[in-house]
PDB file of N, CA and C in Angstrom:
ATOM      1  N   MET A   1      97.777 102.331 105.439  1.00  0.00           N
ATOM      2  CA  MET A   1      99.097 102.155 106.362  1.00  0.00           C
ATOM      3  C   MET A   1      98.296 102.591 107.989  1.00  0.00           C
ATOM      4  N   TYR A   2      97.916 103.891 107.857  1.00  0.00           N
ATOM      5  CA  TYR A   2      97.433 104.219 109.275  1.00  0.00           C
ATOM      6  C   TYR A   2      96.242 103.476 109.647  1.00  0.00           C
ATOM      7  N   LYS A   3      95.380 102.798 108.802  1.00  0.00           N
ATOM      8  CA  LYS A   3      94.522 101.759 109.272  1.00  0.00           C
ATOM      9  C   LYS A   3      94.684 100.411 110.139  1.00  0.00           C
ATOM     10  N   VAL A   4      95.919 100.289 109.494  1.00  0.00           N
ATOM     11  CA  VAL A   4      96.567  99.132 110.075  1.00  0.00           C
ATOM     12  C   VAL A   4      97.352  99.599 111.344  1.00  0.00           C
ATOM     13  N   LEU A   5      97.917 100.661 111.231  1.00  0.00           N
ATOM     14  CA  LEU A   5      98.543 101.184 112.586  1.00  0.00           C
ATOM     15  C   LEU A   5      97.701 101.709 113.607  1.00  0.00           C
ATOM     16  N   GLY A   6      96.343 101.962 113.257  1.00  0.00           N
ATOM     17  CA  GLY A   6      95.547 102.319 114.501  1.00  0.00           C
ATOM     18  C   GLY A   6      94.749 101.443 115.310  1.00  0.00           C
ATOM     19  N   ASP A   7      95.446 100.111 115.367  1.00  0.00           N
ATOM     20  CA  ASP A   7      94.981  99.283 116.434  1.00  0.00           C
ATOM     21  C   ASP A   7      95.852  99.464 117.586  1.00  0.00           C
ATOM     22  N   LYS A   8      95.323  99.742 118.815  1.00  0.00           N
ATOM     23  CA  LYS A   8      95.954  99.390 119.755  1.00  0.00           C
ATOM     24  C   LYS A   8      96.957  98.354 120.221  1.00  0.00           C
ATOM     25  N   THR A   9      96.619  97.176 119.788  1.00  0.00           N
ATOM     26  CA  THR A   9      97.083  95.776 119.893  1.00  0.00           C
ATOM     27  C   THR A   9      98.483  96.082 118.996  1.00  0.00           C
ATOM     28  N   ARG A  10      98.094  96.332 117.947  1.00  0.00           N
ATOM     29  CA  ARG A  10      99.521  96.165 116.948  1.00  0.00           C
ATOM     30  C   ARG A  10     100.505  97.119 116.945  1.00  0.00           C
ATOM     31  N   LEU A  11      99.892  98.392 117.752  1.00  0.00           N
ATOM     32  CA  LEU A  11     100.611  99.504 118.036  1.00  0.00           C
ATOM     33  C   LEU A  11     101.569  98.730 119.151  1.00  0.00           C
ATOM     34  N   LYS A  12     101.280  98.073 120.123  1.00  0.00           N
ATOM     35  CA  LYS A  12     102.079  97.682 121.366  1.00  0.00           C
ATOM     36  C   LYS A  12     103.126  96.459 120.876  1.00  0.00           C
ATOM     37  N   ILE A  13     102.484  95.687 119.761  1.00  0.00           N
ATOM     38  CA  ILE A  13     103.336  94.756 119.114  1.00  0.00           C
ATOM     39  C   ILE A  13     104.588  95.528 118.637  1.00  0.00           C
ATOM     40  N   LEU A  14     104.335  96.517 117.641  1.00  0.00           N
ATOM     41  CA  LEU A  14     105.190  97.574 116.953  1.00  0.00           C
ATOM     42  C   LEU A  14     106.191  98.090 117.833  1.00  0.00           C
ATOM     43  N   LEU A  15     105.521  98.865 118.815  1.00  0.00           N
ATOM     44  CA  LEU A  15     106.595  99.294 119.975  1.00  0.00           C
ATOM     45  C   LEU A  15     107.565  98.364 120.735  1.00  0.00           C
ATOM     46  N   PHE A  16     107.329  97.128 120.717  1.00  0.00           N
ATOM     47  CA  PHE A  16     108.068  95.977 121.494  1.00  0.00           C
ATOM     48  C   PHE A  16     108.870  95.508 120.300  1.00  0.00           C
ATOM     49  N   LEU A  17     108.727  95.441 119.475  1.00  0.00           N
ATOM     50  CA  LEU A  17     109.580  95.042 118.018  1.00  0.00           C
ATOM     51  C   LEU A  17     110.558  95.930 117.880  1.00  0.00           C
ATOM     52  N   LYS A  18     110.497  97.455 118.459  1.00  0.00           N
ATOM     53  CA  LYS A  18     111.527  98.620 118.367  1.00  0.00           C
ATOM     54  C   LYS A  18     112.677  97.904 118.846  1.00  0.00           C
ATOM     55  N   SER A  19     112.620  97.268 119.860  1.00  0.00           N
ATOM     56  CA  SER A  19     114.227  96.772 120.397  1.00  0.00           C
ATOM     57  C   SER A  19     114.462  95.698 119.916  1.00  0.00           C
ATOM     58  N   GLY A  20     114.150  94.973 118.793  1.00  0.00           N
ATOM     59  CA  GLY A  20     114.792  93.809 117.784  1.00  0.00           C
ATOM     60  C   GLY A  20     113.937  93.205 117.826  1.00  0.00           C
ATOM     61  N   GLU A  21     114.064  91.694 116.744  1.00  0.00           N
ATOM     62  CA  GLU A  21     113.375  90.495 116.679  1.00  0.00           C
ATOM     63  C   GLU A  21     112.879  89.933 117.906  1.00  0.00           C
ATOM     64  N   LYS A  22     111.300  89.431 117.864  1.00  0.00           N
ATOM     65  CA  LYS A  22     111.225  88.521 118.688  1.00  0.00           C
ATOM     66  C   LYS A  22     110.155  87.271 117.829  1.00  0.00           C
ATOM     67  N   ASN A  23     110.122  86.576 118.872  1.00  0.00           N
ATOM     68  CA  ASN A  23     109.198  85.348 118.164  1.00  0.00           C
ATOM     69  C   ASN A  23     107.755  85.449 118.955  1.00  0.00           C
ATOM     70  N   VAL A  24     106.901  84.877 118.611  1.00  0.00           N
ATOM     71  CA  VAL A  24     105.391  84.918 118.615  1.00  0.00           C
ATOM     72  C   VAL A  24     104.915  84.612 120.151  1.00  0.00           C
ATOM     73  N   THR A  25     105.816  83.855 120.928  1.00  0.00           N
ATOM     74  CA  THR A  25     105.524  83.300 122.399  1.00  0.00           C
ATOM     75  C   THR A  25     106.004  84.845 122.965  1.00  0.00           C
ATOM     76  N   THR A  26     107.330  85.160 123.031  1.00  0.00           N
ATOM     77  CA  THR A  26     107.855  86.340 123.527  1.00  0.00           C
ATOM     78  C   THR A  26     106.612  87.606 123.427  1.00  0.00           C
ATOM     79  N   ILE A  27     106.443  88.004 122.250  1.00  0.00           N
ATOM     80  CA  ILE A  27     105.646  88.709 121.733  1.00  0.00           C
ATOM     81  C   ILE A  27     104.017  89.107 122.499  1.00  0.00           C
ATOM     82  N   ALA A  28     103.353  87.482 122.501  1.00  0.00           N
ATOM     83  CA  ALA A  28     102.455  87.462 123.104  1.00  0.00           C
ATOM     84  C   ALA A  28     102.096  87.481 124.958  1.00  0.00           C
ATOM     85  N   GLN A  29     103.319  87.354 125.333  1.00  0.00           N
ATOM     86  CA  GLN A  29     103.492  87.292 126.736  1.00  0.00           C
ATOM     87  C   GLN A  29     103.464  88.990 127.123  1.00  0.00           C
ATOM     88  N   GLU A  30     104.299  89.733 126.064  1.00  0.00           N
ATOM     89  CA  GLU A  30     104.522  91.137 126.059  1.00  0.00           C
ATOM     90  C   GLU A  30     102.983  91.926 126.575  1.00  0.00           C
ATOM     91  N   VAL A  31     102.266  91.351 125.058  1.00  0.00           N
ATOM     92  CA  VAL A  31     101.015  92.059 124.754  1.00  0.00           C
ATOM     93  C   VAL A  31      99.960  91.386 125.791  1.00  0.00           C
ATOM     94  N   ALA A  32      99.987  90.205 126.674  1.00  0.00           N
ATOM     95  CA  ALA A  32      98.974  89.385 127.121  1.00  0.00           C
ATOM     96  C   ALA A  32      98.159  89.204 126.332  1.00  0.00           C
ATOM     97  N   MET A  33      98.312  88.451 125.363  1.00  0.00           N
ATOM     98  CA  MET A  33      97.310  87.916 124.667  1.00  0.00           C
ATOM     99  C   MET A  33      97.660  86.364 124.282  1.00  0.00           C
ATOM    100  N   GLU A  34      96.710  85.791 123.597  1.00  0.00           N
ATOM    101  CA  GLU A  34      97.065  84.357 123.053  1.00  0.00           C
ATOM    102  C   GLU A  34      97.841  84.232 121.987  1.00  0.00           C
ATOM    103  N   GLN A  35      98.910  83.175 121.839  1.00  0.00           N
ATOM    104  CA  GLN A  35      99.869  83.386 120.811  1.00  0.00           C
ATOM    105  C   GLN A  35      99.195  83.395 119.255  1.00  0.00           C
ATOM    106  N   SER A  36      97.800  82.688 119.234  1.00  0.00           N
ATOM    107  CA  SER A  36      96.721  82.542 118.085  1.00  0.00           C
ATOM    108  C   SER A  36      96.301  84.006 117.410  1.00  0.00           C
ATOM    109  N   ALA A  37      96.108  84.935 118.493  1.00  0.00           N
ATOM    110  CA  ALA A  37      95.598  86.208 118.068  1.00  0.00           C
ATOM    111  C   ALA A  37      96.991  87.080 117.849  1.00  0.00           C
ATOM    112  N   VAL A  38      98.110  86.848 118.329  1.00  0.00           N
ATOM    113  CA  VAL A  38      99.103  87.528 117.960  1.00  0.00           C
ATOM    114  C   VAL A  38      99.690  87.473 116.935  1.00  0.00           C
ATOM    115  N   SER A  39      99.436  86.158 116.520  1.00  0.00           N
ATOM    116  CA  SER A  39      99.565  85.764 114.838  1.00  0.00           C
ATOM    117  C   SER A  39      98.987  86.286 113.968  1.00  0.00           C
ATOM    118  N   HIS A  40      97.589  86.359 113.969  1.00  0.00           N
ATOM    119  CA  HIS A  40      96.455  87.044 113.344  1.00  0.00           C
ATOM    120  C   HIS A  40      97.318  88.600 113.110  1.00  0.00           C
ATOM    121  N   GLN A  41      97.641  89.275 114.134  1.00  0.00           N
ATOM    122  CA  GLN A  41      97.853  90.664 113.961  1.00  0.00           C
ATOM    123  C   GLN A  41      99.298  90.820 113.383  1.00  0.00           C
ATOM    124  N   LEU A  42      99.992  89.759 113.590  1.00  0.00           N
ATOM    125  CA  LEU A  42     101.472  89.849 112.821  1.00  0.00           C
ATOM    126  C   LEU A  42     101.197  89.274 111.440  1.00  0.00           C
ATOM    127  N   LYS A  43     100.463  88.661 111.109  1.00  0.00           N
ATOM    128  CA  LYS A  43     100.130  88.384 109.443  1.00  0.00           C
ATOM    129  C   LYS A  43      99.600  89.500 108.827  1.00  0.00           C
ATOM    130  N   LEU A  44      98.805  90.389 109.729  1.00  0.00           N
ATOM    131  CA  LEU A  44      98.055  91.400 109.124  1.00  0.00           C
ATOM    132  C   LEU A  44      99.249  92.579 108.943  1.00  0.00           C
ATOM    133  N   LEU A  45     100.186  92.739 109.862  1.00  0.00           N
ATOM    134  CA  LEU A  45     101.410  93.537 109.721  1.00  0.00           C
ATOM    135  C   LEU A  45     102.522  92.965 108.549  1.00  0.00           C
ATOM    136  N   ARG A  46     102.591  91.701 108.491  1.00  0.00           N
ATOM    137  CA  ARG A  46     103.535  91.335 107.568  1.00  0.00           C
ATOM    138  C   ARG A  46     102.727  91.571 106.122  1.00  0.00           C
ATOM    139  N   ASP A  47     101.596  91.536 105.800  1.00  0.00           N
ATOM    140  CA  ASP A  47     100.798  91.523 104.505  1.00  0.00           C
ATOM    141  C   ASP A  47     101.053  92.967 104.279  1.00  0.00           C
ATOM    142  N   ASN A  48     101.285  93.794 104.786  1.00  0.00           N
ATOM    143  CA  ASN A  48     101.140  95.232 104.696  1.00  0.00           C
ATOM    144  C   ASN A  48     102.285  95.633 104.670  1.00  0.00           C
ATOM    145  N   LYS A  49     103.505  94.954 104.702  1.00  0.00           N
ATOM    146  CA  LYS A  49     105.103  95.054 104.943  1.00  0.00           C
ATOM    147  C   LYS A  49     105.547  95.688 105.804  1.00  0.00           C
ATOM    148  N   ILE A  50     104.811  96.000 106.791  1.00  0.00           N
ATOM    149  CA  ILE A  50     105.225  96.701 108.162  1.00  0.00           C
ATOM    150  C   ILE A  50     106.442  95.981 109.196  1.00  0.00           C
ATOM    151  N   VAL A  51     106.371  94.959 109.042  1.00  0.00           N
ATOM    152  CA  VAL A  51     107.198  93.679 110.069  1.00  0.00           C
ATOM    153  C   VAL A  51     107.304  92.452 108.755  1.00  0.00           C
ATOM    154  N   ILE A  52     108.352  92.073 109.083  1.00  0.00           N
ATOM    155  CA  ILE A  52     108.816  90.885 108.309  1.00  0.00           C
ATOM    156  C   ILE A  52     109.340  89.819 109.184  1.00  0.00           C
ATOM    157  N   SER A  53     109.394  88.636 108.614  1.00  0.00           N
ATOM    158  CA  SER A  53     109.784  87.477 109.333  1.00  0.00           C
ATOM    159  C   SER A  53     110.582  86.661 108.779  1.00  0.00           C
ATOM    160  N   ARG A  54     111.389  85.724 109.929  1.00  0.00           N
ATOM    161  CA  ARG A  54     112.534  84.837 109.347  1.00  0.00           C
ATOM    162  C   ARG A  54     111.958  83.426 110.159  1.00  0.00           C
ATOM    163  N   ARG A  55     112.430  82.364 109.466  1.00  0.00           N
ATOM    164  CA  ARG A  55     112.148  81.329 110.013  1.00  0.00           C
ATOM    165  C   ARG A  55     113.530  80.643 110.503  1.00  0.00           C
ATOM    166  N   GLU A  56     113.529  80.246 111.865  1.00  0.00           N
ATOM    167  CA  GLU A  56     114.720  79.084 112.660  1.00  0.00           C
ATOM    168  C   GLU A  56     114.362  77.786 112.810  1.00  0.00           C
ATOM    169  N   GLY A  57     114.539  77.242 112.320  1.00  0.00           N
ATOM    170  CA  GLY A  57     113.803  75.759 112.744  1.00  0.00           C
ATOM    171  C   GLY A  57     112.380  75.766 112.741  1.00  0.00           C
ATOM    172  N   LYS A  58     111.765  75.509 113.710  1.00  0.00           N
ATOM    173  CA  LYS A  58     110.336  75.912 114.119  1.00  0.00           C
ATOM    174  C   LYS A  58     109.825  77.086 114.642  1.00  0.00           C
ATOM    175  N   VAL A  59     110.763  77.903 114.902  1.00  0.00           N
ATOM    176  CA  VAL A  59     110.516  79.162 115.239  1.00  0.00           C
ATOM    177  C   VAL A  59     110.719  80.374 114.184  1.00  0.00           C
ATOM    178  N   ILE A  60     109.314  81.272 114.214  1.00  0.00           N
ATOM    179  CA  ILE A  60     109.585  82.189 113.337  1.00  0.00           C
ATOM    180  C   ILE A  60     109.755  83.623 114.149  1.00  0.00           C
ATOM    181  N   TYR A  61     110.867  84.532 113.572  1.00  0.00           N
ATOM    182  CA  TYR A  61     111.100  85.806 114.179  1.00  0.00           C
ATOM    183  C   TYR A  61     110.456  86.907 113.507  1.00  0.00           C
ATOM    184  N   TYR A  62     110.223  87.761 114.251  1.00  0.00           N
ATOM    185  CA  TYR A  62     109.410  89.144 113.485  1.00  0.00           C
ATOM    186  C   TYR A  62     110.097  90.206 113.971  1.00  0.00           C
ATOM    187  N   ALA A  63     110.316  91.191 113.055  1.00  0.00           N
ATOM    188  CA  ALA A  63     111.151  92.388 113.224  1.00  0.00           C
ATOM    189  C   ALA A  63     110.140  93.281 112.335  1.00  0.00           C
ATOM    190  N   LEU A  64     110.764  94.995 112.872  1.00  0.00           N
ATOM    191  CA  LEU A  64     110.228  95.763 111.771  1.00  0.00           C
ATOM    192  C   LEU A  64     110.807  95.763 110.571  1.00  0.00           C
ATOM    193  N   ALA A  65     109.720  95.860 109.687  1.00  0.00           N
ATOM    194  CA  ALA A  65     110.458  95.870 108.349  1.00  0.00           C
ATOM    195  C   ALA A  65     111.576  96.731 108.173  1.00  0.00           C
ATOM    196  N   ASP A  66     111.501  98.188 108.467  1.00  0.00           N
ATOM    197  CA  ASP A  66     112.794  98.978 108.366  1.00  0.00           C
ATOM    198  C   ASP A  66     112.516  99.942 109.328  1.00  0.00           C
ATOM    199  N   HIS A  67     113.546 100.897 109.444  1.00  0.00           N
ATOM    200  CA  HIS A  67     113.394 102.111 110.428  1.00  0.00           C
ATOM    201  C   HIS A  67     112.285 103.027 110.094  1.00  0.00           C
ATOM    202  N   HIS A  68     111.808 103.265 108.816  1.00  0.00           N
ATOM    203  CA  HIS A  68     110.983 103.945 108.470  1.00  0.00           C
ATOM    204  C   HIS A  68     109.586 103.724 109.172  1.00  0.00           C
ATOM    205  N   VAL A  69     109.449 102.247 109.400  1.00  0.00           N
ATOM    206  CA  VAL A  69     108.021 102.071 110.363  1.00  0.00           C
ATOM    207  C   VAL A  69     108.107 103.120 111.788  1.00  0.00           C
ATOM    208  N   MET A  70     109.129 102.867 112.511  1.00  0.00           N
ATOM    209  CA  MET A  70     109.331 103.937 113.303  1.00  0.00           C
ATOM    210  C   MET A  70     109.284 105.158 113.428  1.00  0.00           C
ATOM    211  N   ASP A  71     109.849 105.551 112.437  1.00  0.00           N
ATOM    212  CA  ASP A  71     109.871 106.736 111.827  1.00  0.00           C
ATOM    213  C   ASP A  71     108.689 107.558 111.696  1.00  0.00           C
ATOM    214  N   ILE A  72     107.639 106.782 111.036  1.00  0.00           N
ATOM    215  CA  ILE A  72     106.132 107.221 110.800  1.00  0.00           C
ATOM    216  C   ILE A  72     105.706 107.384 112.436  1.00  0.00           C
ATOM    217  N   LEU A  73     105.755 106.082 113.103  1.00  0.00           N
ATOM    218  CA  LEU A  73     105.120 105.942 114.694  1.00  0.00           C
ATOM    219  C   LEU A  73     105.681 107.118 115.398  1.00  0.00           C
ATOM    220  N   ASN A  74     107.015 107.220 115.277  1.00  0.00           N
ATOM    221  CA  ASN A  74     107.252 108.861 116.144  1.00  0.00           C
ATOM    222  C   ASN A  74     106.805 110.015 115.727  1.00  0.00           C
ATOM    223  N   GLN A  75     106.906 110.236 114.282  1.00  0.00           N
ATOM    224  CA  GLN A  75     106.337 111.270 113.874  1.00  0.00           C
ATOM    225  C   GLN A  75     104.859 111.782 114.243  1.00  0.00           C
ATOM    226  N   THR A  76     104.151 110.629 114.099  1.00  0.00           N
ATOM    227  CA  THR A  76     102.586 110.680 114.371  1.00  0.00           C
ATOM    228  C   THR A  76     102.630 110.666 115.781  1.00  0.00           C
ATOM    229  N   PHE A  77     103.371 110.305 116.756  1.00  0.00           N
ATOM    230  CA  PHE A  77     102.786 110.345 118.137  1.00  0.00           C
ATOM    231  C   PHE A  77     103.400 112.023 118.484  1.00  0.00           C
ATOM    232  N   GLU A  78     104.538 112.936 117.967  1.00  0.00           N
ATOM    233  CA  GLU A  78     105.071 113.755 117.871  1.00  0.00           C
ATOM    234  C   GLU A  78     103.626 114.760 117.519  1.00  0.00           C
ATOM    235  N   HIS A  79     103.260 114.559 116.353  1.00  0.00           N
ATOM    236  CA  HIS A  79     102.145 115.333 116.019  1.00  0.00           C
ATOM    237  C   HIS A  79     100.612 115.328 116.947  1.00  0.00           C
ATOM    238  N   VAL A  80     100.480 114.209 117.361  1.00  0.00           N
ATOM    239  CA  VAL A  80      99.470 113.948 118.465  1.00  0.00           C
ATOM    240  C   VAL A  80      99.534 114.779 119.886  1.00  0.00           C
ATOM    241  N   LEU A  81     100.680 114.718 120.341  1.00  0.00           N
ATOM    242  CA  LEU A  81     101.015 115.466 121.518  1.00  0.00           C
ATOM    243  C   LEU A  81     101.178 116.982 121.070  1.00  0.00           C
ATOM    244  N   HIS A  82     101.398 117.201 120.095  1.00  0.00           N
ATOM    245  CA  HIS A  82     101.600 119.195 119.699  1.00  0.00           C
ATOM    246  C   HIS A  82     100.320 119.448 119.519  1.00  0.00           C
ATOM    247  N   SER A  83      98.963 118.847 119.210  1.00  0.00           N
ATOM    248  CA  SER A  83      97.769 119.142 118.923  1.00  0.00           C
ATOM    249  C   SER A  83      97.033 119.544 120.266  1.00  0.00           C
TER     250      SER A  83
END
């Protein structure tokens, strides 16, 4: 899991999803990347059960899989800051 979370782009995506579900276009604008690159990162996060997705028509929305994802990130950041 830490290998997946160790990427700066994926961390940016997860921190953005902290505020709720978003579609790929919105995420791509936030992280200043092409939609195809963001989709690739989201697939990796989804395959590792870190994010979930749901389809509404042609649009796919992504959200954190559960609150444990942010708990892990927060504990990691807290540990790094105390080092």
